PDB file of N, CA and C in Angstrom:
ATOM      1  N   MET A   1     101.227  72.493  64.209  1.00  0.00           N
ATOM      2  CA  MET A   1     101.544  72.207  65.595  1.00  0.00           C
ATOM      3  C   MET A   1     102.692  71.206  65.631  1.00  0.00           C
ATOM      4  N   LEU A   2     103.712  71.536  66.405  1.00  0.00           N
ATOM      5  CA  LEU A   2     104.848  70.635  66.597  1.00  0.00           C
ATOM      6  C   LEU A   2     104.672  69.917  67.917  1.00  0.00           C
ATOM      7  N   ARG A   3     105.231  68.719  68.001  1.00  0.00           N
ATOM      8  CA  ARG A   3     105.072  67.908  69.205  1.00  0.00           C
ATOM      9  C   ARG A   3     106.374  67.166  69.484  1.00  0.00           C
ATOM     10  N   VAL A   4     106.816  67.214  70.750  1.00  0.00           N
ATOM     11  CA  VAL A   4     108.044  66.543  71.163  1.00  0.00           C
ATOM     12  C   VAL A   4     107.746  65.728  72.418  1.00  0.00           C
ATOM     13  N   ALA A   5     108.125  64.458  72.415  1.00  0.00           N
ATOM     14  CA  ALA A   5     107.940  63.595  73.578  1.00  0.00           C
ATOM     15  C   ALA A   5     109.168  63.690  74.480  1.00  0.00           C
ATOM     16  N   ASP A   6     108.949  63.558  75.776  1.00  0.00           N
ATOM     17  CA  ASP A   6     110.045  63.660  76.742  1.00  0.00           C
ATOM     18  C   ASP A   6     109.673  62.896  78.004  1.00  0.00           C
ATOM     19  N   GLU A   7     110.636  62.773  78.885  1.00  0.00           N
ATOM     20  CA  GLU A   7     110.444  62.100  80.171  1.00  0.00           C
ATOM     21  C   GLU A   7     111.559  62.556  81.101  1.00  0.00           C
ATOM     22  N   VAL A   8     111.248  62.769  82.369  1.00  0.00           N
ATOM     23  CA  VAL A   8     112.264  63.143  83.355  1.00  0.00           C
ATOM     24  C   VAL A   8     112.673  61.885  84.106  1.00  0.00           C
ATOM     25  N   ASP A   9     113.948  61.573  84.028  1.00  0.00           N
ATOM     26  CA  ASP A   9     114.499  60.393  84.698  1.00  0.00           C
ATOM     27  C   ASP A   9     114.298  60.513  86.213  1.00  0.00           C
ATOM     28  N   PRO A  10     113.802  59.459  86.859  1.00  0.00           N
ATOM     29  CA  PRO A  10     113.611  59.512  88.309  1.00  0.00           C
ATOM     30  C   PRO A  10     114.909  59.777  89.091  1.00  0.00           C
ATOM     31  N   ALA A  11     116.069  59.584  88.461  1.00  0.00           N
ATOM     32  CA  ALA A  11     117.347  59.840  89.124  1.00  0.00           C
ATOM     33  C   ALA A  11     117.861  61.259  88.878  1.00  0.00           C
ATOM     34  N   HIS A  12     117.084  62.105  88.205  1.00  0.00           N
ATOM     35  CA  HIS A  12     117.513  63.472  87.908  1.00  0.00           C
ATOM     36  C   HIS A  12     117.829  64.198  89.223  1.00  0.00           C
ATOM     37  N   PRO A  13     118.965  64.912  89.299  1.00  0.00           N
ATOM     38  CA  PRO A  13     119.356  65.567  90.554  1.00  0.00           C
ATOM     39  C   PRO A  13     118.388  66.641  91.053  1.00  0.00           C
ATOM     40  N   ALA A  14     117.585  67.225  90.180  1.00  0.00           N
ATOM     41  CA  ALA A  14     116.632  68.256  90.606  1.00  0.00           C
ATOM     42  C   ALA A  14     115.486  67.671  91.434  1.00  0.00           C
ATOM     43  N   LEU A  15     115.341  66.356  91.416  1.00  0.00           N
ATOM     44  CA  LEU A  15     114.232  65.723  92.124  1.00  0.00           C
ATOM     45  C   LEU A  15     114.540  65.423  93.589  1.00  0.00           C
ATOM     46  N   ALA A  16     115.805  65.437  93.947  1.00  0.00           N
ATOM     47  CA  ALA A  16     116.187  65.117  95.331  1.00  0.00           C
ATOM     48  C   ALA A  16     115.500  66.078  96.288  1.00  0.00           C
ATOM     49  N   GLY A  17     114.681  65.539  97.168  1.00  0.00           N
ATOM     50  CA  GLY A  17     113.997  66.352  98.168  1.00  0.00           C
ATOM     51  C   GLY A  17     112.764  67.071  97.651  1.00  0.00           C
ATOM     52  N   HIS A  18     112.302  66.723  96.454  1.00  0.00           N
ATOM     53  CA  HIS A  18     111.157  67.461  95.860  1.00  0.00           C
ATOM     54  C   HIS A  18     110.030  66.498  95.494  1.00  0.00           C
ATOM     55  N   PHE A  19     109.384  65.872  96.186  1.00  0.00           N
ATOM     56  CA  PHE A  19     109.176  65.787  97.632  1.00  0.00           C
ATOM     57  C   PHE A  19     109.366  64.338  98.035  1.00  0.00           C
ATOM     58  N   PRO A  20     110.102  64.082  99.115  1.00  0.00           N
ATOM     59  CA  PRO A  20     110.372  62.696  99.523  1.00  0.00           C
ATOM     60  C   PRO A  20     109.074  61.914  99.741  1.00  0.00           C
ATOM     61  N   GLY A  21     109.021  60.726  99.164  1.00  0.00           N
ATOM     62  CA  GLY A  21     107.854  59.875  99.297  1.00  0.00           C
ATOM     63  C   GLY A  21     106.730  60.205  98.333  1.00  0.00           C
ATOM     64  N   ASN A  22     106.771  61.381  97.720  1.00  0.00           N
ATOM     65  CA  ASN A  22     105.741  61.797  96.770  1.00  0.00           C
ATOM     66  C   ASN A  22     106.379  62.737  95.735  1.00  0.00           C
ATOM     67  N   PRO A  23     107.344  62.218  94.964  1.00  0.00           N
ATOM     68  CA  PRO A  23     108.116  63.087  94.069  1.00  0.00           C
ATOM     69  C   PRO A  23     107.274  63.723  92.963  1.00  0.00           C
ATOM     70  N   VAL A  24     107.583  64.984  92.696  1.00  0.00           N
ATOM     71  CA  VAL A  24     106.938  65.771  91.643  1.00  0.00           C
ATOM     72  C   VAL A  24     108.038  66.478  90.854  1.00  0.00           C
ATOM     73  N   VAL A  25     107.892  66.509  89.539  1.00  0.00           N
ATOM     74  CA  VAL A  25     108.855  67.227  88.703  1.00  0.00           C
ATOM     75  C   VAL A  25     108.671  68.726  88.959  1.00  0.00           C
ATOM     76  N   PRO A  26     109.746  69.433  89.351  1.00  0.00           N
ATOM     77  CA  PRO A  26     109.635  70.875  89.588  1.00  0.00           C
ATOM     78  C   PRO A  26     109.237  71.631  88.322  1.00  0.00           C
ATOM     79  N   GLY A  27     108.423  72.666  88.492  1.00  0.00           N
ATOM     80  CA  GLY A  27     107.981  73.472  87.360  1.00  0.00           C
ATOM     81  C   GLY A  27     109.131  74.058  86.570  1.00  0.00           C
ATOM     82  N   ALA A  28     110.190  74.474  87.273  1.00  0.00           N
ATOM     83  CA  ALA A  28     111.342  75.058  86.580  1.00  0.00           C
ATOM     84  C   ALA A  28     112.002  74.041  85.648  1.00  0.00           C
ATOM     85  N   LEU A  29     112.069  72.789  86.075  1.00  0.00           N
ATOM     86  CA  LEU A  29     112.651  71.748  85.232  1.00  0.00           C
ATOM     87  C   LEU A  29     111.752  71.477  84.030  1.00  0.00           C
ATOM     88  N   LEU A  30     110.459  71.452  84.249  1.00  0.00           N
ATOM     89  CA  LEU A  30     109.523  71.242  83.149  1.00  0.00           C
ATOM     90  C   LEU A  30     109.615  72.384  82.132  1.00  0.00           C
ATOM     91  N   LEU A  31     109.678  73.623  82.613  1.00  0.00           N
ATOM     92  CA  LEU A  31     109.827  74.765  81.702  1.00  0.00           C
ATOM     93  C   LEU A  31     111.145  74.706  80.935  1.00  0.00           C
ATOM     94  N   ALA A  32     112.204  74.241  81.595  1.00  0.00           N
ATOM     95  CA  ALA A  32     113.494  74.109  80.906  1.00  0.00           C
ATOM     96  C   ALA A  32     113.381  73.128  79.740  1.00  0.00           C
ATOM     97  N   ARG A  33     112.614  72.068  79.924  1.00  0.00           N
ATOM     98  CA  ARG A  33     112.411  71.099  78.840  1.00  0.00           C
ATOM     99  C   ARG A  33     111.602  71.715  77.699  1.00  0.00           C
ATOM    100  N   VAL A  34     110.609  72.531  78.034  1.00  0.00           N
ATOM    101  CA  VAL A  34     109.819  73.226  77.014  1.00  0.00           C
ATOM    102  C   VAL A  34     110.726  74.170  76.221  1.00  0.00           C
ATOM    103  N   VAL A  35     111.508  74.976  76.930  1.00  0.00           N
ATOM    104  CA  VAL A  35     112.413  75.939  76.289  1.00  0.00           C
ATOM    105  C   VAL A  35     113.388  75.221  75.363  1.00  0.00           C
ATOM    106  N   ARG A  36     113.950  74.116  75.816  1.00  0.00           N
ATOM    107  CA  ARG A  36     114.898  73.358  74.995  1.00  0.00           C
ATOM    108  C   ARG A  36     114.236  72.853  73.715  1.00  0.00           C
ATOM    109  N   ALA A  37     113.018  72.307  73.832  1.00  0.00           N
ATOM    110  CA  ALA A  37     112.316  71.773  72.667  1.00  0.00           C
ATOM    111  C   ALA A  37     111.977  72.882  71.666  1.00  0.00           C
ATOM    112  N   VAL A  38     111.505  74.015  72.167  1.00  0.00           N
ATOM    113  CA  VAL A  38     111.131  75.130  71.291  1.00  0.00           C
ATOM    114  C   VAL A  38     112.361  75.716  70.596  1.00  0.00           C
ATOM    115  N   ALA A  39     113.433  75.921  71.341  1.00  0.00           N
ATOM    116  CA  ALA A  39     114.659  76.475  70.755  1.00  0.00           C
ATOM    117  C   ALA A  39     115.203  75.558  69.664  1.00  0.00           C
ATOM    118  N   ALA A  40     115.178  74.257  69.908  1.00  0.00           N
ATOM    119  CA  ALA A  40     115.675  73.306  68.909  1.00  0.00           C
ATOM    120  C   ALA A  40     114.788  73.306  67.666  1.00  0.00           C
ATOM    121  N   ALA A  41     113.487  73.381  67.853  1.00  0.00           N
ATOM    122  CA  ALA A  41     112.563  73.334  66.717  1.00  0.00           C
ATOM    123  C   ALA A  41     112.656  74.568  65.833  1.00  0.00           C
ATOM    124  N   PHE A  42     112.843  75.743  66.445  1.00  0.00           N
ATOM    125  CA  PHE A  42     112.855  76.980  65.674  1.00  0.00           C
ATOM    126  C   PHE A  42     114.259  77.494  65.390  1.00  0.00           C
ATOM    127  N   GLY A  43     115.276  76.850  65.931  1.00  0.00           N
ATOM    128  CA  GLY A  43     116.644  77.275  65.674  1.00  0.00           C
ATOM    129  C   GLY A  43     116.964  78.645  66.234  1.00  0.00           C
ATOM    130  N   SER A  44     116.283  79.013  67.306  1.00  0.00           N
ATOM    131  CA  SER A  44     116.461  80.327  67.914  1.00  0.00           C
ATOM    132  C   SER A  44     116.283  80.194  69.416  1.00  0.00           C
ATOM    133  N   PRO A  45     117.129  80.865  70.212  1.00  0.00           N
ATOM    134  CA  PRO A  45     116.952  80.773  71.661  1.00  0.00           C
ATOM    135  C   PRO A  45     115.661  81.449  72.112  1.00  0.00           C
ATOM    136  N   VAL A  46     115.142  80.977  73.212  1.00  0.00           N
ATOM    137  CA  VAL A  46     113.944  81.582  73.794  1.00  0.00           C
ATOM    138  C   VAL A  46     114.361  82.854  74.520  1.00  0.00           C
ATOM    139  N   GLY A  47     113.656  83.943  74.249  1.00  0.00           N
ATOM    140  CA  GLY A  47     113.955  85.214  74.888  1.00  0.00           C
ATOM    141  C   GLY A  47     113.304  85.353  76.241  1.00  0.00           C
ATOM    142  N   ALA A  48     112.057  84.870  76.369  1.00  0.00           N
ATOM    143  CA  ALA A  48     111.328  85.013  77.628  1.00  0.00           C
ATOM    144  C   ALA A  48     110.170  84.043  77.681  1.00  0.00           C
ATOM    145  N   VAL A  49     109.915  83.554  78.880  1.00  0.00           N
ATOM    146  CA  VAL A  49     108.672  82.836  79.144  1.00  0.00           C
ATOM    147  C   VAL A  49     107.698  83.917  79.579  1.00  0.00           C
ATOM    148  N   ARG A  50     106.712  84.196  78.741  1.00  0.00           N
ATOM    149  CA  ARG A  50     105.801  85.303  79.008  1.00  0.00           C
ATOM    150  C   ARG A  50     104.699  84.925  79.983  1.00  0.00           C
ATOM    151  N   GLY A  51     104.434  83.660  80.109  1.00  0.00           N
ATOM    152  CA  GLY A  51     103.422  83.197  81.050  1.00  0.00           C
ATOM    153  C   GLY A  51     103.382  81.686  81.060  1.00  0.00           C
ATOM    154  N   ALA A  52     103.085  81.121  82.212  1.00  0.00           N
ATOM    155  CA  ALA A  52     102.942  79.670  82.326  1.00  0.00           C
ATOM    156  C   ALA A  52     102.014  79.374  83.489  1.00  0.00           C
ATOM    157  N   LYS A  53     101.170  78.382  83.292  1.00  0.00           N
ATOM    158  CA  LYS A  53     100.269  77.952  84.348  1.00  0.00           C
ATOM    159  C   LYS A  53     100.372  76.437  84.454  1.00  0.00           C
ATOM    160  N   PHE A  54     100.470  75.970  85.685  1.00  0.00           N
ATOM    161  CA  PHE A  54     100.580  74.537  85.942  1.00  0.00           C
ATOM    162  C   PHE A  54      99.219  74.035  86.408  1.00  0.00           C
ATOM    163  N   HIS A  55      98.740  72.992  85.740  1.00  0.00           N
ATOM    164  CA  HIS A  55      97.393  72.486  85.989  1.00  0.00           C
ATOM    165  C   HIS A  55      97.362  71.172  86.767  1.00  0.00           C
ATOM    166  N   ALA A  56      98.399  70.367  86.634  1.00  0.00           N
ATOM    167  CA  ALA A  56      98.434  69.054  87.284  1.00  0.00           C
ATOM    168  C   ALA A  56      99.891  68.670  87.514  1.00  0.00           C
ATOM    169  N   PRO A  57     100.154  67.846  88.514  1.00  0.00           N
ATOM    170  CA  PRO A  57     101.542  67.428  88.762  1.00  0.00           C
ATOM    171  C   PRO A  57     102.022  66.411  87.729  1.00  0.00           C
ATOM    172  N   LEU A  58     103.322  66.416  87.517  1.00  0.00           N
ATOM    173  CA  LEU A  58     103.980  65.418  86.684  1.00  0.00           C
ATOM    174  C   LEU A  58     104.942  64.655  87.584  1.00  0.00           C
ATOM    175  N   ARG A  59     104.883  63.350  87.542  1.00  0.00           N
ATOM    176  CA  ARG A  59     105.754  62.507  88.359  1.00  0.00           C
ATOM    177  C   ARG A  59     106.985  62.097  87.555  1.00  0.00           C
ATOM    178  N   PRO A  60     108.109  61.900  88.237  1.00  0.00           N
ATOM    179  CA  PRO A  60     109.306  61.415  87.552  1.00  0.00           C
ATOM    180  C   PRO A  60     109.023  60.099  86.837  1.00  0.00           C
ATOM    181  N   GLY A  61     109.568  59.954  85.644  1.00  0.00           N
ATOM    182  CA  GLY A  61     109.399  58.736  84.866  1.00  0.00           C
ATOM    183  C   GLY A  61     108.136  58.712  84.018  1.00  0.00           C
ATOM    184  N   GLU A  62     107.239  59.680  84.192  1.00  0.00           N
ATOM    185  CA  GLU A  62     106.037  59.731  83.364  1.00  0.00           C
ATOM    186  C   GLU A  62     106.370  60.369  82.015  1.00  0.00           C
ATOM    187  N   ARG A  63     105.938  59.741  80.976  1.00  0.00           N
ATOM    188  CA  ARG A  63     106.150  60.260  79.630  1.00  0.00           C
ATOM    189  C   ARG A  63     105.193  61.430  79.407  1.00  0.00           C
ATOM    190  N   PHE A  64     105.688  62.483  78.775  1.00  0.00           N
ATOM    191  CA  PHE A  64     104.841  63.634  78.475  1.00  0.00           C
ATOM    192  C   PHE A  64     105.190  64.167  77.096  1.00  0.00           C
ATOM    193  N   GLU A  65     104.305  64.993  76.573  1.00  0.00           N
ATOM    194  CA  GLU A  65     104.544  65.619  75.286  1.00  0.00           C
ATOM    195  C   GLU A  65     104.439  67.121  75.421  1.00  0.00           C
ATOM    196  N   VAL A  66     105.295  67.818  74.699  1.00  0.00           N
ATOM    197  CA  VAL A  66     105.230  69.268  74.606  1.00  0.00           C
ATOM    198  C   VAL A  66     104.696  69.579  73.214  1.00  0.00           C
ATOM    199  N   GLU A  67     103.559  70.249  73.157  1.00  0.00           N
ATOM    200  CA  GLU A  67     102.985  70.716  71.902  1.00  0.00           C
ATOM    201  C   GLU A  67     103.184  72.220  71.834  1.00  0.00           C
ATOM    202  N   PHE A  68     103.555  72.718  70.658  1.00  0.00           N
ATOM    203  CA  PHE A  68     103.754  74.158  70.540  1.00  0.00           C
ATOM    204  C   PHE A  68     103.587  74.605  69.100  1.00  0.00           C
ATOM    205  N   GLU A  69     103.233  75.872  68.969  1.00  0.00           N
ATOM    206  CA  GLU A  69     103.131  76.474  67.646  1.00  0.00           C
ATOM    207  C   GLU A  69     103.348  77.968  67.770  1.00  0.00           C
ATOM    208  N   ARG A  70     103.832  78.532  66.695  1.00  0.00           N
ATOM    209  CA  ARG A  70     104.092  79.967  66.633  1.00  0.00           C
ATOM    210  C   ARG A  70     102.879  80.654  66.028  1.00  0.00           C
ATOM    211  N   ASP A  71     102.421  81.728  66.667  1.00  0.00           N
ATOM    212  CA  ASP A  71     101.263  82.438  66.123  1.00  0.00           C
ATOM    213  C   ASP A  71     101.724  83.539  65.169  1.00  0.00           C
ATOM    214  N   ALA A  72     100.772  84.243  64.583  1.00  0.00           N
ATOM    215  CA  ALA A  72     101.069  85.269  63.577  1.00  0.00           C
ATOM    216  C   ALA A  72     101.929  86.401  64.130  1.00  0.00           C
ATOM    217  N   ALA A  73     101.829  86.658  65.432  1.00  0.00           N
ATOM    218  CA  ALA A  73     102.611  87.729  66.054  1.00  0.00           C
ATOM    219  C   ALA A  73     104.009  87.265  66.465  1.00  0.00           C
ATOM    220  N   GLY A  74     104.307  85.969  66.298  1.00  0.00           N
ATOM    221  CA  GLY A  74     105.630  85.447  66.642  1.00  0.00           C
ATOM    222  C   GLY A  74     105.728  84.823  68.019  1.00  0.00           C
ATOM    223  N   ALA A  75     104.661  84.891  68.811  1.00  0.00           N
ATOM    224  CA  ALA A  75     104.675  84.240  70.128  1.00  0.00           C
ATOM    225  C   ALA A  75     104.534  82.729  69.933  1.00  0.00           C
ATOM    226  N   VAL A  76     105.100  81.982  70.839  1.00  0.00           N
ATOM    227  CA  VAL A  76     104.992  80.528  70.789  1.00  0.00           C
ATOM    228  C   VAL A  76     104.092  80.091  71.937  1.00  0.00           C
ATOM    229  N   LYS A  77     102.991  79.459  71.603  1.00  0.00           N
ATOM    230  CA  LYS A  77     102.064  78.904  72.585  1.00  0.00           C
ATOM    231  C   LYS A  77     102.455  77.455  72.820  1.00  0.00           C
ATOM    232  N   PHE A  78     102.473  77.030  74.080  1.00  0.00           N
ATOM    233  CA  PHE A  78     102.827  75.642  74.367  1.00  0.00           C
ATOM    234  C   PHE A  78     101.846  75.006  75.341  1.00  0.00           C
ATOM    235  N   ARG A  79     101.792  73.683  75.259  1.00  0.00           N
ATOM    236  CA  ARG A  79     101.038  72.865  76.206  1.00  0.00           C
ATOM    237  C   ARG A  79     101.882  71.651  76.528  1.00  0.00           C
ATOM    238  N   VAL A  80     101.860  71.238  77.787  1.00  0.00           N
ATOM    239  CA  VAL A  80     102.524  70.024  78.224  1.00  0.00           C
ATOM    240  C   VAL A  80     101.419  69.049  78.606  1.00  0.00           C
ATOM    241  N   LEU A  81     101.444  67.876  77.989  1.00  0.00           N
ATOM    242  CA  LEU A  81     100.383  66.894  78.186  1.00  0.00           C
ATOM    243  C   LEU A  81     100.944  65.546  78.617  1.00  0.00           C
ATOM    244  N   ARG A  82     100.235  64.885  79.511  1.00  0.00           N
ATOM    245  CA  ARG A  82     100.485  63.486  79.846  1.00  0.00           C
ATOM    246  C   ARG A  82      99.236  62.755  79.388  1.00  0.00           C
ATOM    247  N   GLY A  83      99.308  62.184  78.200  1.00  0.00           N
ATOM    248  CA  GLY A  83      98.104  61.616  77.603  1.00  0.00           C
ATOM    249  C   GLY A  83      97.149  62.764  77.311  1.00  0.00           C
ATOM    250  N   ALA A  84      95.922  62.653  77.828  1.00  0.00           N
ATOM    251  CA  ALA A  84      94.931  63.708  77.628  1.00  0.00           C
ATOM    252  C   ALA A  84      94.946  64.743  78.749  1.00  0.00           C
ATOM    253  N   THR A  85      95.788  64.539  79.759  1.00  0.00           N
ATOM    254  CA  THR A  85      95.830  65.440  80.919  1.00  0.00           C
ATOM    255  C   THR A  85      96.742  66.625  80.655  1.00  0.00           C
ATOM    256  N   LEU A  86      96.199  67.820  80.825  1.00  0.00           N
ATOM    257  CA  LEU A  86      96.982  69.046  80.674  1.00  0.00           C
ATOM    258  C   LEU A  86      97.811  69.258  81.936  1.00  0.00           C
ATOM    259  N   ILE A  87      99.120  69.282  81.777  1.00  0.00           N
ATOM    260  CA  ILE A  87     100.045  69.493  82.896  1.00  0.00           C
ATOM    261  C   ILE A  87     100.378  70.973  83.032  1.00  0.00           C
ATOM    262  N   ALA A  88     100.678  71.621  81.918  1.00  0.00           N
ATOM    263  CA  ALA A  88     101.046  73.041  81.928  1.00  0.00           C
ATOM    264  C   ALA A  88     100.751  73.647  80.564  1.00  0.00           C
ATOM    265  N   ALA A  89     100.589  74.966  80.558  1.00  0.00           N
ATOM    266  CA  ALA A  89     100.381  75.688  79.306  1.00  0.00           C
ATOM    267  C   ALA A  89     100.894  77.106  79.476  1.00  0.00           C
ATOM    268  N   GLY A  90     101.251  77.727  78.368  1.00  0.00           N
ATOM    269  CA  GLY A  90     101.722  79.104  78.441  1.00  0.00           C
ATOM    270  C   GLY A  90     102.204  79.592  77.103  1.00  0.00           C
ATOM    271  N   ASP A  91     102.933  80.690  77.154  1.00  0.00           N
ATOM    272  CA  ASP A  91     103.495  81.230  75.922  1.00  0.00           C
ATOM    273  C   ASP A  91     104.858  81.833  76.206  1.00  0.00           C
ATOM    274  N   LEU A  92     105.652  81.885  75.168  1.00  0.00           N
ATOM    275  CA  LEU A  92     107.002  82.423  75.273  1.00  0.00           C
ATOM    276  C   LEU A  92     107.352  83.149  74.000  1.00  0.00           C
ATOM    277  N   SER A  93     108.448  83.856  74.042  1.00  0.00           N
ATOM    278  CA  SER A  93     108.909  84.570  72.845  1.00  0.00           C
ATOM    279  C   SER A  93     110.315  84.119  72.512  1.00  0.00           C
ATOM    280  N   LEU A  94     110.613  84.140  71.232  1.00  0.00           N
ATOM    281  CA  LEU A  94     111.951  83.781  70.767  1.00  0.00           C
ATOM    282  C   LEU A  94     112.825  85.014  70.775  1.00  0.00           C
ATOM    283  N   ASN A  95     114.111  84.818  70.975  1.00  0.00           N
ATOM    284  CA  ASN A  95     115.066  85.910  70.938  1.00  0.00           C
ATOM    285  C   ASN A  95     115.376  86.189  69.472  1.00  0.00           C
ATOM    286  N   THR A  96     114.891  87.305  68.988  1.00  0.00           N
ATOM    287  CA  THR A  96     115.092  87.627  67.581  1.00  0.00           C
ATOM    288  C   THR A  96     116.119  88.743  67.377  1.00  0.00           C
ATOM    289  N   ALA A  97     116.803  89.127  68.471  1.00  0.00           N
ATOM    290  CA  ALA A  97     117.811  90.181  68.368  1.00  0.00           C
ATOM    291  C   ALA A  97     119.000  89.678  67.546  1.00  0.00           C
ATOM    292  N   PRO A  98     119.557  90.515  66.679  1.00  0.00           N
ATOM    293  CA  PRO A  98     120.727  90.116  65.913  1.00  0.00           C
ATOM    294  C   PRO A  98     121.930  89.901  66.840  1.00  0.00           C
ATOM    295  N   ASN A  99     122.777  88.988  66.456  1.00  0.00           N
ATOM    296  CA  ASN A  99     123.985  88.727  67.258  1.00  0.00           C
ATOM    297  C   ASN A  99     124.926  89.915  67.175  1.00  0.00           C
ATOM    298  N   ALA A 100     125.517  90.255  68.287  1.00  0.00           N
ATOM    299  CA  ALA A 100     126.446  91.413  68.323  1.00  0.00           C
ATOM    300  C   ALA A 100     127.820  90.997  67.904  1.00  0.00           C
TER     301      ALA A 100
END
């Protein structure tokens, strides 16, 4: 199991208006961080997010960890955690197509 720590800066432009007075990190931004961590770890771009479920909100400035591992079939299972709290989980596939 690989693990990468991350945090979304409260000044990140994606947070403007999401939601005033009660900011929450958008799911798309969180998935982008997962994709970046997985691609860097495996040296291969992510081909598709095959599924993702969000379990709890993540606030700007909160430290979180992305845990992931590749299974025997080549799928990458991931979990996003804030301490012991599950924020999101899902699976994705790596782009294994040869370069043209």
